[in-house]
């Protein structure tokens, strides 16, 4: 019989799974999007080749930029890899640092990373990068309250906002998932994920430099390893949001209930498979709608906010 893995090692595996699985999920999404558009598309492993190429390139900094410009990519990447310590990535049982912060704490860490990237964009002095940073923070003022309402709704349903406890409550009964308040909150979170990952309403990660782009505009002046860290961090953020949506709100199954190596390996494969399926669904959504104009983003995000508020009202008025 195999010996159980130490819990600290499993926690490290959670971080490594997110870090090294994120480019693969991005590659799957890019491949599916290309097929939906009638193109051959890049290889699934293409993001790994792109990162390797960027890490070999020379890094340049705009004239007048301070040390902040160079420190932000590493700081933001560190923030992204901190969140997997707090959420159920591979196991149903909490790991040593699993109760270090609740799901709001994880949201604050993701917001901090986004804020740091915006600061670096301002440091460049580039009008295009500053425009992307300004738009990012403007729309974040709407999306972040949506996340708070989603967590507030689910916390009222389960009595806690700790990610492992939330997942355990949803896993306890399939009826938890189809409760109206839970469905409304999950739909609101999915809309926020669509915005945060740049799939809809105005941009894509694979697009060219368009006037309405946000996520791709902020690191516009970075190059070489620094740009690689920002691209890698963006992919990691996408997989983190997918993991929260899948393993906490919608489908917290396939996680390891023991520390045995076989269970942990199966949990890694299950997570990547579920993330790929969700990525395919999002790719279909992304290619089924025309890109909205920039001023329409507020209406899109406001609709997510309304769903979250309706989830709270549904819970309070009964039937939630």
C-alpha atoms as a PDB file:
ATOM      1  CA  UNK A   1       0.000   0.000   0.000  1.00  0.00           C
ATOM      2  CA  UNK A   2       1.335   3.416  -0.972  1.00  0.00           C
ATOM      3  CA  UNK A   3       2.337   5.810   1.766  1.00  0.00           C
ATOM      4  CA  UNK A   4       0.316   8.985   2.110  1.00  0.00           C
ATOM      5  CA  UNK A   5       1.888  12.169   0.799  1.00  0.00           C
ATOM      6  CA  UNK A   6       2.733  14.845   3.386  1.00  0.00           C
ATOM      7  CA  UNK A   7       0.123  17.590   3.381  1.00  0.00           C
ATOM      8  CA  UNK A   8       2.699  20.378   2.799  1.00  0.00           C
ATOM      9  CA  UNK A   9       3.806  18.509  -0.336  1.00  0.00           C
ATOM     10  CA  UNK A  10       0.205  18.312  -1.571  1.00  0.00           C
ATOM     11  CA  UNK A  11      -0.115  22.049  -0.995  1.00  0.00           C
ATOM     12  CA  UNK A  12       2.967  22.631  -3.129  1.00  0.00           C
ATOM     13  CA  UNK A  13       1.450  20.362  -5.790  1.00  0.00           C
ATOM     14  CA  UNK A  14      -1.660  22.573  -5.799  1.00  0.00           C
ATOM     15  CA  UNK A  15       0.466  25.591  -6.667  1.00  0.00           C
ATOM     16  CA  UNK A  16       2.449  23.673  -9.287  1.00  0.00           C
ATOM     17  CA  UNK A  17      -0.751  22.313 -10.850  1.00  0.00           C
ATOM     18  CA  UNK A  18      -2.125  25.815 -11.308  1.00  0.00           C
ATOM     19  CA  UNK A  19       1.201  27.224 -12.500  1.00  0.00           C
ATOM     20  CA  UNK A  20       2.035  24.552 -15.069  1.00  0.00           C
ATOM     21  CA  UNK A  21      -1.516  23.527 -15.986  1.00  0.00           C
ATOM     22  CA  UNK A  22      -2.679  27.066 -16.781  1.00  0.00           C
ATOM     23  CA  UNK A  23      -0.851  27.389 -20.150  1.00  0.00           C
ATOM     24  CA  UNK A  24      -2.302  24.024 -21.246  1.00  0.00           C
ATOM     25  CA  UNK A  25      -5.856  25.184 -20.486  1.00  0.00           C
ATOM     26  CA  UNK A  26      -5.195  28.394 -22.430  1.00  0.00           C
ATOM     27  CA  UNK A  27      -3.880  26.293 -25.323  1.00  0.00           C
ATOM     28  CA  UNK A  28      -7.008  24.139 -25.341  1.00  0.00           C
ATOM     29  CA  UNK A  29      -9.233  27.235 -25.422  1.00  0.00           C
ATOM     30  CA  UNK A  30      -7.206  28.814 -28.239  1.00  0.00           C
ATOM     31  CA  UNK A  31      -7.394  25.580 -30.243  1.00  0.00           C
ATOM     32  CA  UNK A  32     -11.168  25.265 -29.778  1.00  0.00           C
ATOM     33  CA  UNK A  33     -11.730  28.918 -30.690  1.00  0.00           C
ATOM     34  CA  UNK A  34      -9.732  28.466 -33.876  1.00  0.00           C
ATOM     35  CA  UNK A  35     -11.777  25.401 -34.834  1.00  0.00           C
ATOM     36  CA  UNK A  36     -15.016  27.275 -34.181  1.00  0.00           C
ATOM     37  CA  UNK A  37     -13.794  30.016 -36.520  1.00  0.00           C
ATOM     38  CA  UNK A  38     -12.841  27.543 -39.238  1.00  0.00           C
ATOM     39  CA  UNK A  39      -9.093  27.914 -38.707  1.00  0.00           C
ATOM     40  CA  UNK A  40      -6.500  25.255 -37.986  1.00  0.00           C
ATOM     41  CA  UNK A  41      -5.278  27.147 -34.948  1.00  0.00           C
ATOM     42  CA  UNK A  42      -2.154  26.829 -32.798  1.00  0.00           C
ATOM     43  CA  UNK A  43      -0.993  23.698 -31.057  1.00  0.00           C
ATOM     44  CA  UNK A  44      -2.380  23.017 -27.602  1.00  0.00           C
ATOM     45  CA  UNK A  45       1.148  23.279 -26.202  1.00  0.00           C
ATOM     46  CA  UNK A  46       1.863  26.553 -28.023  1.00  0.00           C
ATOM     47  CA  UNK A  47       1.603  28.710 -24.835  1.00  0.00           C
ATOM     48  CA  UNK A  48       4.549  26.774 -23.360  1.00  0.00           C
ATOM     49  CA  UNK A  49       6.665  27.490 -26.453  1.00  0.00           C
ATOM     50  CA  UNK A  50       5.660  31.157 -26.337  1.00  0.00           C
ATOM     51  CA  UNK A  51       6.672  31.461 -22.677  1.00  0.00           C
ATOM     52  CA  UNK A  52       9.999  29.716 -23.319  1.00  0.00           C
ATOM     53  CA  UNK A  53      10.709  32.102 -26.200  1.00  0.00           C
ATOM     54  CA  UNK A  54       9.851  35.162 -24.109  1.00  0.00           C
ATOM     55  CA  UNK A  55      12.077  34.021 -21.237  1.00  0.00           C
ATOM     56  CA  UNK A  56      15.021  33.847 -23.675  1.00  0.00           C
ATOM     57  CA  UNK A  57      14.467  37.366 -25.024  1.00  0.00           C
ATOM     58  CA  UNK A  58      16.037  40.572 -23.803  1.00  0.00           C
ATOM     59  CA  UNK A  59      14.043  42.674 -21.360  1.00  0.00           C
ATOM     60  CA  UNK A  60      13.687  46.401 -22.003  1.00  0.00           C
ATOM     61  CA  UNK A  61      12.213  49.138 -19.814  1.00  0.00           C
ATOM     62  CA  UNK A  62      10.780  52.487 -20.964  1.00  0.00           C
ATOM     63  CA  UNK A  63      12.918  55.522 -20.289  1.00  0.00           C
ATOM     64  CA  UNK A  64      12.033  57.059 -16.943  1.00  0.00           C
ATOM     65  CA  UNK A  65      10.375  53.922 -15.518  1.00  0.00           C
ATOM     66  CA  UNK A  66      11.336  53.137 -11.917  1.00  0.00           C
ATOM     67  CA  UNK A  67      12.114  49.819 -10.229  1.00  0.00           C
ATOM     68  CA  UNK A  68       8.364  49.347  -9.748  1.00  0.00           C
ATOM     69  CA  UNK A  69       7.980  48.598 -13.461  1.00  0.00           C
ATOM     70  CA  UNK A  70      10.395  45.668 -13.176  1.00  0.00           C
ATOM     71  CA  UNK A  71       9.196  44.420  -9.775  1.00  0.00           C
ATOM     72  CA  UNK A  72       5.479  44.276 -10.589  1.00  0.00           C
ATOM     73  CA  UNK A  73       5.504  41.178 -12.882  1.00  0.00           C
ATOM     74  CA  UNK A  74       7.172  39.071 -10.181  1.00  0.00           C
ATOM     75  CA  UNK A  75       4.961  40.512  -7.419  1.00  0.00           C
ATOM     76  CA  UNK A  76       1.768  39.922  -9.422  1.00  0.00           C
ATOM     77  CA  UNK A  77       2.845  36.374 -10.302  1.00  0.00           C
ATOM     78  CA  UNK A  78       3.486  35.720  -6.610  1.00  0.00           C
ATOM     79  CA  UNK A  79      -0.013  36.954  -5.777  1.00  0.00           C
ATOM     80  CA  UNK A  80      -1.542  34.593  -8.313  1.00  0.00           C
ATOM     81  CA  UNK A  81       0.350  31.604  -6.916  1.00  0.00           C
ATOM     82  CA  UNK A  82      -0.695  32.471  -3.367  1.00  0.00           C
ATOM     83  CA  UNK A  83      -4.398  31.912  -4.037  1.00  0.00           C
ATOM     84  CA  UNK A  84      -4.057  28.122  -4.714  1.00  0.00           C
ATOM     85  CA  UNK A  85      -2.905  27.808  -1.098  1.00  0.00           C
ATOM     86  CA  UNK A  86      -6.360  28.935   0.065  1.00  0.00           C
ATOM     87  CA  UNK A  87      -8.788  27.121  -2.241  1.00  0.00           C
ATOM     88  CA  UNK A  88      -9.599  23.410  -2.822  1.00  0.00           C
ATOM     89  CA  UNK A  89      -7.553  22.661  -5.922  1.00  0.00           C
ATOM     90  CA  UNK A  90      -6.840  18.967  -5.352  1.00  0.00           C
ATOM     91  CA  UNK A  91      -8.269  17.826  -1.987  1.00  0.00           C
ATOM     92  CA  UNK A  92     -11.573  17.776  -0.154  1.00  0.00           C
ATOM     93  CA  UNK A  93      -9.813  18.194   3.194  1.00  0.00           C
ATOM     94  CA  UNK A  94      -8.153  21.494   4.159  1.00  0.00           C
ATOM     95  CA  UNK A  95      -4.384  21.636   3.904  1.00  0.00           C
ATOM     96  CA  UNK A  96      -2.144  23.379   6.476  1.00  0.00           C
ATOM     97  CA  UNK A  97      -2.627  26.844   4.956  1.00  0.00           C
ATOM     98  CA  UNK A  98      -6.185  26.208   3.771  1.00  0.00           C
ATOM     99  CA  UNK A  99      -7.730  28.260   6.573  1.00  0.00           C
ATOM    100  CA  UNK A 100      -5.174  31.055   6.316  1.00  0.00           C
ATOM    101  CA  UNK A 101      -7.802  33.126   4.501  1.00  0.00           C
ATOM    102  CA  UNK A 102     -11.365  32.879   3.269  1.00  0.00           C
ATOM    103  CA  UNK A 103     -12.603  33.282  -0.269  1.00  0.00           C
ATOM    104  CA  UNK A 104     -12.770  37.048   0.194  1.00  0.00           C
ATOM    105  CA  UNK A 105      -9.090  37.008   1.090  1.00  0.00           C
ATOM    106  CA  UNK A 106      -8.347  35.190  -2.152  1.00  0.00           C
ATOM    107  CA  UNK A 107     -10.375  37.789  -4.041  1.00  0.00           C
ATOM    108  CA  UNK A 108      -8.409  40.600  -2.418  1.00  0.00           C
ATOM    109  CA  UNK A 109      -5.125  38.952  -3.440  1.00  0.00           C
ATOM    110  CA  UNK A 110      -6.304  38.723  -7.065  1.00  0.00           C
ATOM    111  CA  UNK A 111      -7.389  42.364  -6.907  1.00  0.00           C
ATOM    112  CA  UNK A 112      -3.974  43.312  -5.517  1.00  0.00           C
ATOM    113  CA  UNK A 113      -2.266  41.627  -8.470  1.00  0.00           C
ATOM    114  CA  UNK A 114      -4.515  43.510 -10.890  1.00  0.00           C
ATOM    115  CA  UNK A 115      -3.782  46.780  -9.082  1.00  0.00           C
ATOM    116  CA  UNK A 116      -0.023  46.170  -9.281  1.00  0.00           C
ATOM    117  CA  UNK A 117      -0.207  45.528 -13.032  1.00  0.00           C
ATOM    118  CA  UNK A 118      -2.157  48.765 -13.430  1.00  0.00           C
ATOM    119  CA  UNK A 119       0.514  50.633 -11.460  1.00  0.00           C
ATOM    120  CA  UNK A 120       3.209  49.228 -13.760  1.00  0.00           C
ATOM    121  CA  UNK A 121       1.201  50.397 -16.786  1.00  0.00           C
ATOM    122  CA  UNK A 122       1.079  53.909 -15.352  1.00  0.00           C
ATOM    123  CA  UNK A 123       4.845  53.763 -14.740  1.00  0.00           C
ATOM    124  CA  UNK A 124       5.511  53.284 -18.461  1.00  0.00           C
ATOM    125  CA  UNK A 125       4.153  56.659 -19.501  1.00  0.00           C
ATOM    126  CA  UNK A 126       2.599  54.966 -22.523  1.00  0.00           C
ATOM    127  CA  UNK A 127      -0.863  56.401 -23.310  1.00  0.00           C
ATOM    128  CA  UNK A 128      -2.070  53.018 -24.568  1.00  0.00           C
ATOM    129  CA  UNK A 129      -0.967  51.123 -21.452  1.00  0.00           C
ATOM    130  CA  UNK A 130      -2.352  53.846 -19.190  1.00  0.00           C
ATOM    131  CA  UNK A 131      -5.656  53.721 -21.054  1.00  0.00           C
ATOM    132  CA  UNK A 132      -5.905  49.974 -20.465  1.00  0.00           C
ATOM    133  CA  UNK A 133      -5.063  50.393 -16.777  1.00  0.00           C
ATOM    134  CA  UNK A 134      -7.636  53.145 -16.356  1.00  0.00           C
ATOM    135  CA  UNK A 135     -10.362  51.089 -17.991  1.00  0.00           C
ATOM    136  CA  UNK A 136      -9.411  48.034 -15.959  1.00  0.00           C
ATOM    137  CA  UNK A 137      -9.820  49.863 -12.659  1.00  0.00           C
ATOM    138  CA  UNK A 138     -13.014  51.597 -13.821  1.00  0.00           C
ATOM    139  CA  UNK A 139     -14.771  48.345 -14.584  1.00  0.00           C
ATOM    140  CA  UNK A 140     -13.245  46.642 -11.539  1.00  0.00           C
ATOM    141  CA  UNK A 141     -15.251  49.071  -9.420  1.00  0.00           C
ATOM    142  CA  UNK A 142     -18.325  47.189 -10.662  1.00  0.00           C
ATOM    143  CA  UNK A 143     -17.014  43.617 -10.914  1.00  0.00           C
ATOM    144  CA  UNK A 144     -15.535  43.486  -7.409  1.00  0.00           C
ATOM    145  CA  UNK A 145     -18.869  44.260  -5.679  1.00  0.00           C
ATOM    146  CA  UNK A 146     -20.389  41.473  -7.789  1.00  0.00           C
ATOM    147  CA  UNK A 147     -17.867  39.011  -6.364  1.00  0.00           C
ATOM    148  CA  UNK A 148     -18.641  40.268  -2.853  1.00  0.00           C
ATOM    149  CA  UNK A 149     -22.364  39.731  -3.399  1.00  0.00           C
ATOM    150  CA  UNK A 150     -21.749  36.248  -4.812  1.00  0.00           C
ATOM    151  CA  UNK A 151     -19.671  35.259  -1.792  1.00  0.00           C
ATOM    152  CA  UNK A 152     -22.226  36.901   0.522  1.00  0.00           C
ATOM    153  CA  UNK A 153     -25.064  34.906  -1.042  1.00  0.00           C
ATOM    154  CA  UNK A 154     -23.268  31.561  -0.900  1.00  0.00           C
ATOM    155  CA  UNK A 155     -22.007  32.287   2.621  1.00  0.00           C
ATOM    156  CA  UNK A 156     -25.603  32.785   3.766  1.00  0.00           C
ATOM    157  CA  UNK A 157     -26.545  29.490   2.132  1.00  0.00           C
ATOM    158  CA  UNK A 158     -23.726  27.544   3.770  1.00  0.00           C
ATOM    159  CA  UNK A 159     -23.039  29.532   6.917  1.00  0.00           C
ATOM    160  CA  UNK A 160     -19.368  30.174   6.055  1.00  0.00           C
ATOM    161  CA  UNK A 161     -17.165  31.751   3.421  1.00  0.00           C
ATOM    162  CA  UNK A 162     -14.238  29.351   3.808  1.00  0.00           C
ATOM    163  CA  UNK A 163     -13.645  27.719   0.394  1.00  0.00           C
ATOM    164  CA  UNK A 164     -13.257  24.160   1.722  1.00  0.00           C
ATOM    165  CA  UNK A 165     -16.456  24.474   3.762  1.00  0.00           C
ATOM    166  CA  UNK A 166     -18.335  25.943   0.797  1.00  0.00           C
ATOM    167  CA  UNK A 167     -17.260  23.052  -1.407  1.00  0.00           C
ATOM    168  CA  UNK A 168     -18.180  20.508   1.268  1.00  0.00           C
ATOM    169  CA  UNK A 169     -21.690  21.976   1.552  1.00  0.00           C
ATOM    170  CA  UNK A 170     -22.253  21.860  -2.207  1.00  0.00           C
ATOM    171  CA  UNK A 171     -20.793  18.352  -2.376  1.00  0.00           C
ATOM    172  CA  UNK A 172     -23.087  17.138   0.390  1.00  0.00           C
ATOM    173  CA  UNK A 173     -26.168  17.247  -1.825  1.00  0.00           C
ATOM    174  CA  UNK A 174     -26.925  17.822  -5.481  1.00  0.00           C
ATOM    175  CA  UNK A 175     -29.929  19.818  -4.329  1.00  0.00           C
ATOM    176  CA  UNK A 176     -27.591  22.526  -3.094  1.00  0.00           C
ATOM    177  CA  UNK A 177     -26.554  23.304  -6.653  1.00  0.00           C
ATOM    178  CA  UNK A 178     -30.074  23.782  -8.021  1.00  0.00           C
ATOM    179  CA  UNK A 179     -31.224  26.133  -5.270  1.00  0.00           C
ATOM    180  CA  UNK A 180     -32.374  29.353  -7.014  1.00  0.00           C
ATOM    181  CA  UNK A 181     -30.123  31.617  -4.950  1.00  0.00           C
ATOM    182  CA  UNK A 182     -27.111  29.406  -5.669  1.00  0.00           C
ATOM    183  CA  UNK A 183     -27.871  29.301  -9.397  1.00  0.00           C
ATOM    184  CA  UNK A 184     -28.193  33.087  -9.564  1.00  0.00           C
ATOM    185  CA  UNK A 185     -24.928  33.560  -7.684  1.00  0.00           C
ATOM    186  CA  UNK A 186     -23.132  31.032  -9.907  1.00  0.00           C
ATOM    187  CA  UNK A 187     -24.445  32.745 -13.059  1.00  0.00           C
ATOM    188  CA  UNK A 188     -23.224  36.115 -11.769  1.00  0.00           C
ATOM    189  CA  UNK A 189     -19.801  34.652 -11.014  1.00  0.00           C
ATOM    190  CA  UNK A 190     -19.606  33.120 -14.497  1.00  0.00           C
ATOM    191  CA  UNK A 191     -20.305  36.534 -16.048  1.00  0.00           C
ATOM    192  CA  UNK A 192     -17.541  38.059 -13.939  1.00  0.00           C
ATOM    193  CA  UNK A 193     -15.171  35.292 -15.067  1.00  0.00           C
ATOM    194  CA  UNK A 194     -16.042  36.037 -18.697  1.00  0.00           C
ATOM    195  CA  UNK A 195     -15.058  39.646 -18.140  1.00  0.00           C
ATOM    196  CA  UNK A 196     -11.989  38.971 -15.988  1.00  0.00           C
ATOM    197  CA  UNK A 197     -10.525  36.509 -18.499  1.00  0.00           C
ATOM    198  CA  UNK A 198     -11.094  38.850 -21.433  1.00  0.00           C
ATOM    199  CA  UNK A 199     -13.439  36.523 -23.331  1.00  0.00           C
ATOM    200  CA  UNK A 200     -16.409  38.830 -23.544  1.00  0.00           C
ATOM    201  CA  UNK A 201     -17.554  41.506 -24.095  1.00  0.00           C
ATOM    202  CA  UNK A 202     -14.857  43.423 -25.976  1.00  0.00           C
ATOM    203  CA  UNK A 203     -11.563  41.559 -26.129  1.00  0.00           C
ATOM    204  CA  UNK A 204      -9.717  38.268 -26.469  1.00  0.00           C
ATOM    205  CA  UNK A 205      -6.270  37.174 -25.353  1.00  0.00           C
ATOM    206  CA  UNK A 206      -5.433  36.127 -28.886  1.00  0.00           C
ATOM    207  CA  UNK A 207      -6.580  39.359 -30.525  1.00  0.00           C
ATOM    208  CA  UNK A 208      -4.530  42.140 -32.017  1.00  0.00           C
ATOM    209  CA  UNK A 209      -4.080  45.548 -30.448  1.00  0.00           C
ATOM    210  CA  UNK A 210      -7.593  46.900 -30.616  1.00  0.00           C
ATOM    211  CA  UNK A 211      -8.781  50.181 -29.195  1.00  0.00           C
ATOM    212  CA  UNK A 212     -11.147  48.475 -26.787  1.00  0.00           C
ATOM    213  CA  UNK A 213      -8.704  45.965 -25.336  1.00  0.00           C
ATOM    214  CA  UNK A 214      -7.981  46.028 -21.611  1.00  0.00           C
ATOM    215  CA  UNK A 215      -6.131  42.928 -20.439  1.00  0.00           C
ATOM    216  CA  UNK A 216      -3.630  43.037 -23.307  1.00  0.00           C
ATOM    217  CA  UNK A 217      -3.117  46.801 -23.127  1.00  0.00           C
ATOM    218  CA  UNK A 218      -1.743  46.967 -19.579  1.00  0.00           C
ATOM    219  CA  UNK A 219       1.470  44.946 -20.187  1.00  0.00           C
ATOM    220  CA  UNK A 220       1.955  46.616 -23.575  1.00  0.00           C
ATOM    221  CA  UNK A 221       5.387  48.047 -22.684  1.00  0.00           C
ATOM    222  CA  UNK A 222       6.780  44.923 -20.989  1.00  0.00           C
ATOM    223  CA  UNK A 223       9.078  42.576 -22.855  1.00  0.00           C
ATOM    224  CA  UNK A 224      11.177  39.468 -22.390  1.00  0.00           C
ATOM    225  CA  UNK A 225      10.919  37.590 -19.075  1.00  0.00           C
ATOM    226  CA  UNK A 226       8.798  40.330 -17.509  1.00  0.00           C
ATOM    227  CA  UNK A 227       6.183  40.021 -20.233  1.00  0.00           C
ATOM    228  CA  UNK A 228       6.387  36.220 -19.911  1.00  0.00           C
ATOM    229  CA  UNK A 229       5.572  36.469 -16.190  1.00  0.00           C
ATOM    230  CA  UNK A 230       2.573  38.700 -16.930  1.00  0.00           C
ATOM    231  CA  UNK A 231       1.294  36.334 -19.628  1.00  0.00           C
ATOM    232  CA  UNK A 232       1.874  33.332 -17.394  1.00  0.00           C
ATOM    233  CA  UNK A 233       0.179  35.102 -14.485  1.00  0.00           C
ATOM    234  CA  UNK A 234      -2.815  35.934 -16.665  1.00  0.00           C
ATOM    235  CA  UNK A 235      -3.185  32.247 -17.592  1.00  0.00           C
ATOM    236  CA  UNK A 236      -2.800  31.265 -13.924  1.00  0.00           C
ATOM    237  CA  UNK A 237      -5.473  33.781 -12.930  1.00  0.00           C
ATOM    238  CA  UNK A 238      -7.805  32.242 -15.525  1.00  0.00           C
ATOM    239  CA  UNK A 239      -7.285  28.740 -14.132  1.00  0.00           C
ATOM    240  CA  UNK A 240      -7.720  30.007 -10.550  1.00  0.00           C
ATOM    241  CA  UNK A 241     -11.078  31.557 -11.430  1.00  0.00           C
ATOM    242  CA  UNK A 242     -12.096  28.352 -13.206  1.00  0.00           C
ATOM    243  CA  UNK A 243     -11.050  26.334 -10.145  1.00  0.00           C
ATOM    244  CA  UNK A 244     -13.084  28.526  -7.789  1.00  0.00           C
ATOM    245  CA  UNK A 245     -16.122  28.258 -10.069  1.00  0.00           C
ATOM    246  CA  UNK A 246     -15.786  24.476 -10.511  1.00  0.00           C
ATOM    247  CA  UNK A 247     -14.452  23.192  -7.204  1.00  0.00           C
ATOM    248  CA  UNK A 248     -16.330  25.596  -4.923  1.00  0.00           C
ATOM    249  CA  UNK A 249     -19.601  26.521  -6.646  1.00  0.00           C
ATOM    250  CA  UNK A 250     -20.600  24.067  -9.356  1.00  0.00           C
ATOM    251  CA  UNK A 251     -18.805  20.700  -9.478  1.00  0.00           C
ATOM    252  CA  UNK A 252     -16.639  20.034  -6.400  1.00  0.00           C
ATOM    253  CA  UNK A 253     -16.203  16.393  -7.334  1.00  0.00           C
ATOM    254  CA  UNK A 254     -13.108  14.510  -8.414  1.00  0.00           C
ATOM    255  CA  UNK A 255     -11.061  15.936  -5.564  1.00  0.00           C
ATOM    256  CA  UNK A 256      -8.799  13.662  -3.543  1.00  0.00           C
ATOM    257  CA  UNK A 257     -10.358  12.530  -0.264  1.00  0.00           C
ATOM    258  CA  UNK A 258      -7.090  10.942   0.902  1.00  0.00           C
ATOM    259  CA  UNK A 259      -3.426  11.874   0.682  1.00  0.00           C
ATOM    260  CA  UNK A 260      -2.524   8.766  -1.317  1.00  0.00           C
ATOM    261  CA  UNK A 261      -0.437   9.489  -4.448  1.00  0.00           C
ATOM    262  CA  UNK A 262      -2.976   7.834  -6.774  1.00  0.00           C
ATOM    263  CA  UNK A 263      -5.815   9.986  -5.417  1.00  0.00           C
ATOM    264  CA  UNK A 264      -3.786  13.167  -5.801  1.00  0.00           C
ATOM    265  CA  UNK A 265      -2.750  12.315  -9.377  1.00  0.00           C
ATOM    266  CA  UNK A 266      -6.371  11.567 -10.320  1.00  0.00           C
ATOM    267  CA  UNK A 267      -7.394  14.881  -8.735  1.00  0.00           C
ATOM    268  CA  UNK A 268      -4.854  16.731 -10.896  1.00  0.00           C
ATOM    269  CA  UNK A 269      -6.194  15.069 -14.048  1.00  0.00           C
ATOM    270  CA  UNK A 270      -9.803  15.719 -12.981  1.00  0.00           C
ATOM    271  CA  UNK A 271      -9.117  19.414 -12.382  1.00  0.00           C
ATOM    272  CA  UNK A 272      -7.451  19.903 -15.753  1.00  0.00           C
ATOM    273  CA  UNK A 273     -10.262  17.984 -17.485  1.00  0.00           C
ATOM    274  CA  UNK A 274     -12.995  20.043 -15.783  1.00  0.00           C
ATOM    275  CA  UNK A 275     -11.138  23.291 -16.514  1.00  0.00           C
ATOM    276  CA  UNK A 276     -10.781  22.285 -20.170  1.00  0.00           C
ATOM    277  CA  UNK A 277     -14.517  21.546 -20.409  1.00  0.00           C
ATOM    278  CA  UNK A 278     -15.368  24.908 -18.849  1.00  0.00           C
ATOM    279  CA  UNK A 279     -12.884  26.567 -21.191  1.00  0.00           C
ATOM    280  CA  UNK A 280     -14.599  24.968 -24.190  1.00  0.00           C
ATOM    281  CA  UNK A 281     -17.982  26.229 -22.956  1.00  0.00           C
ATOM    282  CA  UNK A 282     -16.576  29.740 -22.543  1.00  0.00           C
ATOM    283  CA  UNK A 283     -14.970  29.559 -25.983  1.00  0.00           C
ATOM    284  CA  UNK A 284     -18.366  28.682 -27.478  1.00  0.00           C
ATOM    285  CA  UNK A 285     -19.962  31.603 -25.620  1.00  0.00           C
ATOM    286  CA  UNK A 286     -17.173  33.927 -26.743  1.00  0.00           C
ATOM    287  CA  UNK A 287     -17.635  32.971 -30.398  1.00  0.00           C
ATOM    288  CA  UNK A 288     -21.432  33.065 -30.269  1.00  0.00           C
ATOM    289  CA  UNK A 289     -21.699  36.790 -29.557  1.00  0.00           C
ATOM    290  CA  UNK A 290     -20.409  39.826 -31.376  1.00  0.00           C
ATOM    291  CA  UNK A 291     -18.024  41.977 -29.393  1.00  0.00           C
ATOM    292  CA  UNK A 292     -19.797  44.753 -27.546  1.00  0.00           C
ATOM    293  CA  UNK A 293     -18.790  48.384 -27.682  1.00  0.00           C
ATOM    294  CA  UNK A 294     -16.746  49.653 -24.790  1.00  0.00           C
ATOM    295  CA  UNK A 295     -19.545  51.605 -23.135  1.00  0.00           C
ATOM    296  CA  UNK A 296     -21.659  48.434 -23.130  1.00  0.00           C
ATOM    297  CA  UNK A 297     -19.294  46.749 -20.648  1.00  0.00           C
ATOM    298  CA  UNK A 298     -20.975  48.541 -17.761  1.00  0.00           C
ATOM    299  CA  UNK A 299     -24.331  47.109 -18.831  1.00  0.00           C
ATOM    300  CA  UNK A 300     -22.871  43.603 -19.069  1.00  0.00           C
ATOM    301  CA  UNK A 301     -21.241  43.768 -15.641  1.00  0.00           C
ATOM    302  CA  UNK A 302     -24.275  45.499 -14.151  1.00  0.00           C
ATOM    303  CA  UNK A 303     -26.356  42.534 -15.294  1.00  0.00           C
ATOM    304  CA  UNK A 304     -24.029  40.270 -13.305  1.00  0.00           C
ATOM    305  CA  UNK A 305     -24.427  42.569 -10.303  1.00  0.00           C
ATOM    306  CA  UNK A 306     -28.209  42.386 -10.667  1.00  0.00           C
ATOM    307  CA  UNK A 307     -28.118  38.575 -10.702  1.00  0.00           C
ATOM    308  CA  UNK A 308     -26.076  38.581  -7.494  1.00  0.00           C
ATOM    309  CA  UNK A 309     -28.521  40.983  -5.832  1.00  0.00           C
ATOM    310  CA  UNK A 310     -31.444  38.837  -6.981  1.00  0.00           C
ATOM    311  CA  UNK A 311     -29.736  35.853  -5.399  1.00  0.00           C
ATOM    312  CA  UNK A 312     -29.666  37.659  -2.047  1.00  0.00           C
ATOM    313  CA  UNK A 313     -33.302  38.744  -2.371  1.00  0.00           C
ATOM    314  CA  UNK A 314     -34.343  35.236  -3.358  1.00  0.00           C
ATOM    315  CA  UNK A 315     -32.670  33.879  -0.257  1.00  0.00           C
ATOM    316  CA  UNK A 316     -34.296  36.441   2.030  1.00  0.00           C
ATOM    317  CA  UNK A 317     -37.769  36.193   0.487  1.00  0.00           C
ATOM    318  CA  UNK A 318     -37.836  32.419   0.648  1.00  0.00           C
ATOM    319  CA  UNK A 319     -37.296  29.659  -1.872  1.00  0.00           C
ATOM    320  CA  UNK A 320     -33.564  30.326  -2.093  1.00  0.00           C
END
